[in-house]
Amino acid sequence: MDHRLLEIIACPLCHGKLSYDKENFELICKLDRLAFPVRDGIPVLLENESRALPSEENK
């Protein structure tokens, strides 16, 4: 994930900052506790494509 993209991209729900999980190829919103997939280098920022993070996985 491009470092510059992470500076400008935001969660589509709360507009908060996202962090990149390299291991799982996901963008993480800590505020909403959601993980958005990154497919072929393209962030999929759709609520219905996200997954809820369990409390122990909240990075």
Foldseek 3Di string as FASTA:
>chain_A
DDPVCQVPDAQPPPRHHWDADPVQQWTADLVQQKTFHQDPNRTDRDPVRIDHHDPVRSD
